[in-house]
Amino acid sequence: MCPFTVEQIAYAGKAAIDYYLKNDPIDQINVARPLIKKAMEGKQDYAGGLQFVVEQLRYSNDSNFQSYFGDQQVTYNRKRTLQQAKYSWGSFHDGFGLNEDELAQNGITMTDDRDAVPSDAEKVQLTNLLKENQETLKLGFQENFDIMLHLDGSQDAEDIPGLDALVAQDPAVGIVGGLDPSSNSWWENYADLNIDTPTVDLIDRMEIAWRKCIRVGGMAPDFILVGSTFVDAYRTAAASKSAASGIQKTMLVGGGSGNTKGVTIDPSVGSGIETGLYFKGVQLTWDPVMEQLDDTYSPTVAWEKRCYMLNTRFIKLRPIKGHWLVSRKPPRVYDRYVHYWALTSKAAYTTGKRNSQAVLSIA
């Protein structure tokens, strides 16, 4: 039996990571993680430099408008219309190691002989071992990065602020992007919590929130992210609203499987995380991760009761250019017979327009 060299093991592991990232992209398998999927679809690289990812903000027209008549004197000003939101970017790592005993238990022999050629059986064993580790490496990175994107960043000093900070339940409190919203009202998102249900009042409150999001800039939310409790409340409110308006609900009717003469009536809508429920033409997307967040963190306002109206043109995942999902192969240290592989990223999560975002919750 001909063993593997250290270089061959290192190359095989890194090639496997690159293969999984290229051929099974992280943003295409996350049907149960809609926030990171949406964030990755619209991510924008940042060139890096200094300490922050910067968003340029126009907060005023600083107009010098005046009425005048005849030869009345007028004045001119020096416009001050821009402000900057500065977001700290973070570095993120996930990795695994295999020691030589684990390799031996899988029928893989290591050697320092640079001329060694592994057998076909060893190649198969190594491929199987690396496949499981590489797949779970990718999935674990995805899982934890997605959770971080939901939270406010207070859970760990090295975390970046996520959705719970950018679209806050108390939008006038705290510092976001280096700016204090309590003294800059234009830097507040809209929040409406503890909405009483089941009543059609939920629809009316969502109408108000929608108008708040489009009031400045005129761009409507394009992504509505909700917990399962909110989905059920919205379905009930929508049915009540339809009944009160005399609108007949539509059921999906079709031929049943193996029953060509009969029909199957399915009063439900949607599939998977796509609820089939819409508001202003935007589908409510169910976020299964919210249940996990409630179980882990027990927040005052349950995630499952929340609804985020997001304008994704102004809320972005900002990877540092050249530092997104980089496959790594650190060298084996001299006093450990362990081989290492990893993924790393550097990124920030930013918004340049808080007043186009909203969060609601039911009681």
Protein backbone atom coordinates (compact mmCIF):
# COMPACT_ATOMS: atom_id res chain seq x y z
CA MET A 1 0.00 0.00 0.00
CA CYS A 2 1.46 3.37 -1.05
CA PRO A 3 0.68 6.23 1.31
CA PHE A 4 -0.20 9.93 0.85
CA THR A 5 2.34 12.69 1.30
CA VAL A 6 1.52 15.79 3.33
CA GLU A 7 1.34 17.86 0.15
CA GLN A 8 -1.11 15.44 -1.47
CA ILE A 9 -3.43 15.53 1.54
CA ALA A 10 -3.31 19.34 1.63
CA TYR A 11 -4.06 19.65 -2.07
CA ALA A 12 -6.94 17.15 -1.95
CA GLY A 13 -8.62 18.96 0.93
CA LYS A 14 -8.34 22.42 -0.59
CA ALA A 15 -9.51 21.16 -3.99
CA ALA A 16 -12.55 19.64 -2.32
CA ILE A 17 -13.47 22.96 -0.65
CA ASP A 18 -13.07 24.82 -3.95
CA TYR A 19 -15.22 22.21 -5.70
CA TYR A 20 -18.09 22.52 -3.22
CA LEU A 21 -18.04 26.32 -3.28
CA LYS A 22 -18.00 26.41 -7.08
CA ASN A 23 -20.43 23.62 -7.92
CA ASP A 24 -22.85 23.81 -5.01
CA PRO A 25 -22.96 27.54 -4.17
CA ILE A 26 -24.05 28.42 -0.66
CA ASP A 27 -26.78 30.79 -1.81
CA GLN A 28 -28.46 28.13 -3.96
CA ILE A 29 -29.08 25.54 -1.26
CA ASN A 30 -30.38 27.79 1.52
CA VAL A 31 -34.08 27.52 0.73
CA ALA A 32 -34.68 27.31 4.49
CA ARG A 33 -32.47 30.34 5.20
CA PRO A 34 -34.09 33.18 3.26
CA LEU A 35 -32.22 36.07 4.92
CA ILE A 36 -28.71 34.94 3.95
CA LYS A 37 -30.00 33.81 0.55
CA LYS A 38 -31.38 37.29 -0.14
CA ALA A 39 -28.28 38.96 1.27
CA MET A 40 -25.95 36.91 -0.94
CA GLU A 41 -28.03 37.53 -4.05
CA GLY A 42 -27.54 41.29 -3.62
CA LYS A 43 -24.10 41.43 -1.99
CA GLN A 44 -21.78 44.25 -3.05
CA ASP A 45 -18.02 44.01 -2.67
CA TYR A 46 -16.22 46.77 -0.82
CA ALA A 47 -12.71 47.75 -1.83
CA GLY A 48 -11.51 47.76 1.76
CA GLY A 49 -9.19 50.24 3.37
CA LEU A 50 -9.18 51.70 6.84
CA GLN A 51 -11.51 50.34 9.49
CA PHE A 52 -15.02 50.83 8.14
CA VAL A 53 -17.37 50.09 5.27
CA VAL A 54 -18.82 53.52 4.47
CA GLU A 55 -22.30 54.39 3.17
CA GLN A 56 -22.75 57.93 1.82
CA LEU A 57 -26.05 59.45 2.97
CA ARG A 58 -27.97 62.49 1.78
CA TYR A 59 -29.82 63.76 4.82
CA SER A 60 -30.77 67.27 3.65
CA ASN A 61 -31.16 69.43 0.53
CA ASP A 62 -29.84 72.40 2.58
CA SER A 63 -31.96 74.69 0.45
CA ASN A 64 -31.42 78.43 0.39
CA PHE A 65 -34.81 79.10 -1.18
CA GLN A 66 -36.03 82.74 -0.86
CA SER A 67 -38.73 84.97 -2.22
CA TYR A 68 -37.62 88.33 -3.56
CA PHE A 69 -38.92 91.33 -5.50
CA GLY A 70 -37.17 93.82 -7.69
CA ASP A 71 -33.67 94.65 -6.54
CA GLN A 72 -33.96 93.03 -3.13
CA GLN A 73 -30.77 91.38 -1.98
CA VAL A 74 -30.59 87.55 -1.96
CA THR A 75 -28.11 85.27 -0.22
CA TYR A 76 -26.13 82.15 -1.09
CA ASN A 77 -25.06 79.28 1.12
CA ARG A 78 -22.48 76.52 1.15
CA LYS A 79 -24.45 73.30 0.95
CA ARG A 80 -23.94 70.66 3.61
CA THR A 81 -26.04 67.72 2.41
CA LEU A 82 -24.00 64.59 3.05
CA GLN A 83 -23.37 62.42 6.07
CA GLN A 84 -21.56 59.11 6.37
CA ALA A 85 -22.62 55.88 8.03
CA LYS A 86 -19.56 53.84 8.98
CA TYR A 87 -19.88 50.12 9.69
CA SER A 88 -17.15 47.98 11.17
CA TRP A 89 -16.43 44.87 9.15
CA GLY A 90 -15.70 41.56 10.80
CA SER A 91 -13.61 38.49 10.05
CA PHE A 92 -15.19 35.05 10.16
CA HIS A 93 -13.73 31.56 10.22
CA ASP A 94 -14.86 27.97 10.23
CA GLY A 95 -12.51 25.02 9.88
CA PHE A 96 -11.73 21.42 10.72
CA GLY A 97 -8.71 19.24 11.28
CA LEU A 98 -7.86 15.60 10.71
CA ASN A 99 -5.11 13.96 12.72
CA GLU A 100 -3.08 11.07 11.41
CA ASP A 101 -4.77 8.56 13.70
CA GLU A 102 -8.16 9.47 12.19
CA LEU A 103 -6.66 9.05 8.74
CA ALA A 104 -5.19 5.66 9.71
CA GLN A 105 -8.56 4.51 11.04
CA ASN A 106 -9.96 5.26 7.58
CA GLY A 107 -7.28 3.23 5.85
CA ILE A 108 -5.16 6.24 4.86
CA THR A 109 -1.43 6.19 5.49
CA MET A 110 0.75 9.31 5.75
CA THR A 111 4.40 9.56 4.81
CA ASP A 112 7.13 12.13 4.34
CA ASP A 113 8.27 10.38 1.17
CA ARG A 114 7.67 12.88 -1.61
CA ASP A 115 7.66 10.13 -4.23
CA ALA A 116 4.80 8.18 -2.64
CA VAL A 117 1.77 7.34 -4.80
CA PRO A 118 -1.51 6.51 -3.01
CA SER A 119 -3.52 3.45 -4.00
CA ASP A 120 -6.96 3.67 -5.57
CA ALA A 121 -8.51 2.39 -2.33
CA GLU A 122 -6.82 5.13 -0.34
CA LYS A 123 -8.02 7.74 -2.82
CA VAL A 124 -11.62 6.53 -2.37
CA GLN A 125 -11.33 6.55 1.41
CA LEU A 126 -9.87 10.05 1.44
CA THR A 127 -12.55 11.34 -0.93
CA ASN A 128 -15.34 9.97 1.27
CA LEU A 129 -13.78 11.37 4.43
CA LEU A 130 -13.20 14.81 2.94
CA LYS A 131 -16.67 14.96 1.37
CA GLU A 132 -18.45 14.76 4.73
CA ASN A 133 -16.12 17.28 6.34
CA GLN A 134 -16.30 19.75 3.44
CA GLU A 135 -20.08 19.63 3.17
CA THR A 136 -20.55 20.22 6.88
CA LEU A 137 -17.89 22.95 6.82
CA LYS A 138 -19.91 24.86 4.25
CA LEU A 139 -23.26 24.21 5.94
CA GLY A 140 -21.91 25.15 9.36
CA PHE A 141 -20.51 28.43 8.04
CA GLN A 142 -23.84 29.18 6.38
CA GLU A 143 -25.82 28.36 9.50
CA ASN A 144 -23.86 30.52 11.90
CA PHE A 145 -23.34 33.45 9.53
CA ASP A 146 -27.10 33.51 8.88
CA ILE A 147 -27.86 33.57 12.61
CA MET A 148 -25.42 36.46 13.06
CA LEU A 149 -27.16 38.39 10.24
CA HIS A 150 -30.40 38.22 12.24
CA LEU A 151 -29.02 39.44 15.57
CA ASP A 152 -27.97 42.89 16.81
CA GLY A 153 -24.28 42.11 17.31
CA SER A 154 -24.33 42.31 21.10
CA GLN A 155 -23.92 38.54 21.49
CA ASP A 156 -20.17 38.66 20.78
CA ALA A 157 -17.72 41.56 20.63
CA GLU A 158 -16.40 40.30 17.28
CA ASP A 159 -19.83 39.93 15.62
CA ILE A 160 -21.14 42.49 13.15
CA PRO A 161 -24.58 44.04 13.78
CA GLY A 162 -27.36 42.32 11.87
CA LEU A 163 -31.02 42.88 11.11
CA ASP A 164 -32.05 43.40 14.74
CA ALA A 165 -29.75 46.46 14.88
CA LEU A 166 -30.24 47.91 11.40
CA VAL A 167 -34.05 47.63 11.62
CA ALA A 168 -34.48 48.05 15.35
CA GLN A 169 -37.50 47.54 17.55
CA ASP A 170 -36.64 50.83 19.28
CA PRO A 171 -35.23 52.79 16.32
CA ALA A 172 -34.29 55.94 18.29
CA VAL A 173 -31.99 54.04 20.66
CA GLY A 174 -28.38 53.07 20.06
CA ILE A 175 -25.73 53.99 17.53
CA VAL A 176 -26.10 52.59 14.01
CA GLY A 177 -23.34 53.14 11.49
CA GLY A 178 -21.75 55.61 13.87
CA LEU A 179 -24.85 57.85 13.84
CA ASP A 180 -27.19 58.58 16.74
CA PRO A 181 -30.81 58.35 15.53
CA SER A 182 -32.10 60.16 18.64
CA SER A 183 -30.59 63.37 17.26
CA ASN A 184 -31.10 62.46 13.59
CA SER A 185 -34.74 61.47 13.16
CA TRP A 186 -34.16 60.80 9.47
CA TRP A 187 -31.95 57.88 10.56
CA GLU A 188 -34.78 55.90 12.21
CA ASN A 189 -36.53 52.89 10.77
CA TYR A 190 -40.25 52.43 11.39
CA ALA A 191 -41.41 50.10 14.18
CA ASP A 192 -44.89 49.04 15.27
CA LEU A 193 -44.96 46.36 17.97
CA ASN A 194 -47.60 44.38 19.89
CA ILE A 195 -50.34 44.71 17.27
CA ASP A 196 -53.55 43.18 18.56
CA THR A 197 -54.79 40.10 16.67
CA PRO A 198 -56.83 38.43 15.36
CA THR A 199 -58.39 41.54 13.86
CA VAL A 200 -58.30 43.25 10.49
CA ASP A 201 -56.36 45.96 12.33
CA LEU A 202 -53.21 44.07 11.36
CA ILE A 203 -53.79 44.87 7.69
CA ASP A 204 -54.37 48.55 8.49
CA ARG A 205 -51.18 48.74 10.54
CA MET A 206 -49.23 47.12 7.71
CA GLU A 207 -50.66 49.76 5.35
CA ILE A 208 -49.29 52.48 7.62
CA ALA A 209 -45.89 50.82 7.84
CA TRP A 210 -45.75 50.44 4.05
CA ARG A 211 -46.41 54.16 3.53
CA LYS A 212 -43.73 55.02 6.10
CA CYS A 213 -41.22 52.95 4.13
CA ILE A 214 -41.92 54.71 0.84
CA ARG A 215 -42.50 58.22 2.21
CA VAL A 216 -38.88 59.27 1.66
CA GLY A 217 -37.50 58.28 -1.71
CA GLY A 218 -40.64 56.63 -3.01
CA MET A 219 -39.17 53.11 -3.21
CA ALA A 220 -41.39 50.37 -1.82
CA PRO A 221 -40.14 47.35 0.17
CA ASP A 222 -39.27 44.40 -2.05
CA PHE A 223 -38.79 41.70 0.60
CA ILE A 224 -41.11 40.82 3.51
CA LEU A 225 -39.62 38.40 6.03
CA VAL A 226 -41.92 36.89 8.67
CA GLY A 227 -42.09 34.36 11.48
CA SER A 228 -44.65 31.55 11.46
CA THR A 229 -46.89 33.13 14.13
CA PHE A 230 -47.12 36.28 12.04
CA VAL A 231 -47.91 34.21 8.94
CA ASP A 232 -50.91 32.62 10.71
CA ALA A 233 -52.11 35.98 12.02
CA TYR A 234 -51.86 37.55 8.57
CA ARG A 235 -53.75 34.67 6.97
CA THR A 236 -56.58 35.08 9.51
CA ALA A 237 -56.64 38.87 9.12
CA ALA A 238 -56.64 38.59 5.33
CA ALA A 239 -59.56 36.14 5.43
CA SER A 240 -61.50 38.47 7.76
CA LYS A 241 -60.76 41.44 5.53
CA SER A 242 -61.90 39.52 2.45
CA ALA A 243 -65.12 38.42 4.16
CA ALA A 244 -65.83 41.95 5.39
CA SER A 245 -65.30 43.27 1.86
CA GLY A 246 -67.48 40.60 0.27
CA ILE A 247 -64.52 39.15 -1.64
CA GLN A 248 -64.76 35.43 -2.27
CA LYS A 249 -61.63 33.46 -1.46
CA THR A 250 -60.18 31.38 -4.28
CA MET A 251 -59.32 27.70 -3.80
CA LEU A 252 -56.96 25.70 -5.95
CA VAL A 253 -58.88 22.91 -7.64
CA GLY A 254 -57.36 20.14 -9.75
CA GLY A 255 -57.41 16.46 -10.56
CA GLY A 256 -56.35 14.22 -7.70
CA SER A 257 -53.47 11.82 -8.14
CA GLY A 258 -54.84 8.62 -9.66
CA ASN A 259 -58.35 10.06 -9.68
CA THR A 260 -59.05 11.31 -13.20
CA LYS A 261 -62.76 11.85 -12.62
CA GLY A 262 -62.63 13.44 -9.24
CA VAL A 263 -61.12 16.68 -7.99
CA THR A 264 -58.84 17.62 -5.15
CA ILE A 265 -59.64 20.82 -3.29
CA ASP A 266 -56.63 22.44 -1.65
CA PRO A 267 -57.54 25.58 0.31
CA SER A 268 -53.91 26.18 1.25
CA VAL A 269 -51.43 28.27 -0.72
CA GLY A 270 -47.69 28.49 -1.02
CA SER A 271 -44.88 25.98 -0.96
CA GLY A 272 -41.98 25.69 1.45
CA ILE A 273 -40.89 29.09 2.72
CA GLU A 274 -42.94 30.78 -0.02
CA THR A 275 -46.21 31.34 1.82
CA GLY A 276 -48.36 32.23 -1.18
CA LEU A 277 -49.58 35.22 0.87
CA TYR A 278 -48.95 38.68 -0.53
CA PHE A 279 -49.06 42.27 0.63
CA LYS A 280 -48.94 44.99 -2.03
CA GLY A 281 -47.80 42.35 -4.49
CA VAL A 282 -44.80 41.28 -2.36
CA GLN A 283 -44.90 37.72 -1.07
CA LEU A 284 -44.48 37.09 2.64
CA THR A 285 -41.41 34.86 3.02
CA TRP A 286 -41.43 32.58 6.04
CA ASP A 287 -38.13 32.41 7.91
CA PRO A 288 -37.77 29.06 9.75
CA VAL A 289 -34.64 30.34 11.53
CA MET A 290 -36.80 32.61 13.70
CA GLU A 291 -38.06 29.65 15.72
CA GLN A 292 -34.46 28.67 16.51
CA LEU A 293 -33.67 32.26 17.58
CA ASP A 294 -36.61 32.25 20.01
CA ASP A 295 -35.49 28.95 21.51
CA THR A 296 -31.89 30.10 21.89
CA TYR A 297 -32.23 33.73 22.96
CA SER A 298 -35.80 34.12 24.36
CA PRO A 299 -36.12 37.75 23.21
CA THR A 300 -38.70 40.15 24.66
CA VAL A 301 -40.37 40.39 21.25
CA ALA A 302 -40.49 36.88 19.82
CA TRP A 303 -38.96 36.47 16.38
CA GLU A 304 -41.84 34.24 15.36
CA LYS A 305 -44.21 37.21 15.85
CA ARG A 306 -42.19 39.62 13.71
CA CYS A 307 -42.56 40.97 10.21
CA TYR A 308 -39.73 42.85 8.46
CA MET A 309 -40.58 45.06 5.49
CA LEU A 310 -37.19 45.47 3.83
CA ASN A 311 -36.01 47.53 0.92
CA THR A 312 -33.03 45.43 -0.13
CA ARG A 313 -31.72 48.19 -2.40
CA PHE A 314 -30.59 49.88 0.80
CA ILE A 315 -29.62 46.98 3.03
CA LYS A 316 -26.57 45.10 1.85
CA LEU A 317 -24.09 42.39 2.67
CA ARG A 318 -20.73 44.05 1.94
CA PRO A 319 -17.84 41.56 1.65
CA ILE A 320 -14.34 42.99 1.51
CA LYS A 321 -13.17 42.41 -2.06
CA GLY A 322 -11.20 39.19 -2.37
CA HIS A 323 -12.19 38.02 1.12
CA TRP A 324 -15.48 36.23 0.65
CA LEU A 325 -15.59 32.46 1.28
CA VAL A 326 -11.89 31.97 0.82
CA SER A 327 -10.72 28.36 1.15
CA ARG A 328 -7.68 28.01 3.40
CA LYS A 329 -5.04 25.35 4.04
CA PRO A 330 -2.99 26.35 7.08
CA PRO A 331 0.31 24.50 7.45
CA ARG A 332 0.63 21.66 9.94
CA VAL A 333 2.33 22.91 13.09
CA TYR A 334 5.56 21.25 14.13
CA ASP A 335 4.22 19.72 17.38
CA ARG A 336 0.82 18.51 16.14
CA TYR A 337 0.26 15.75 13.60
CA VAL A 338 -2.97 17.36 12.44
CA HIS A 339 -3.92 18.68 9.01
CA TYR A 340 -6.24 21.71 8.78
CA TRP A 341 -8.70 23.20 6.30
CA ALA A 342 -10.89 26.30 6.67
CA LEU A 343 -13.18 28.92 5.17
CA THR A 344 -12.79 32.62 5.98
CA SER A 345 -14.66 35.80 5.09
CA LYS A 346 -14.48 39.50 5.86
CA ALA A 347 -17.72 41.48 5.55
CA ALA A 348 -20.11 44.04 6.99
CA TYR A 349 -23.91 44.24 6.92
CA THR A 350 -25.02 47.79 6.18
CA THR A 351 -27.94 50.03 5.40
CA GLY A 352 -27.80 53.43 3.75
CA LYS A 353 -31.47 54.22 4.31
CA ARG A 354 -32.99 53.15 7.61
CA ASN A 355 -36.19 55.09 7.00
CA SER A 356 -37.09 52.77 4.10
CA GLN A 357 -37.22 49.72 6.45
CA ALA A 358 -39.83 48.62 8.98
CA VAL A 359 -40.39 46.00 11.67
CA LEU A 360 -43.80 44.98 13.02
CA SER A 361 -44.86 42.41 15.57
CA ILE A 362 -48.14 41.01 16.82
CA ALA A 363 -49.06 40.83 20.50
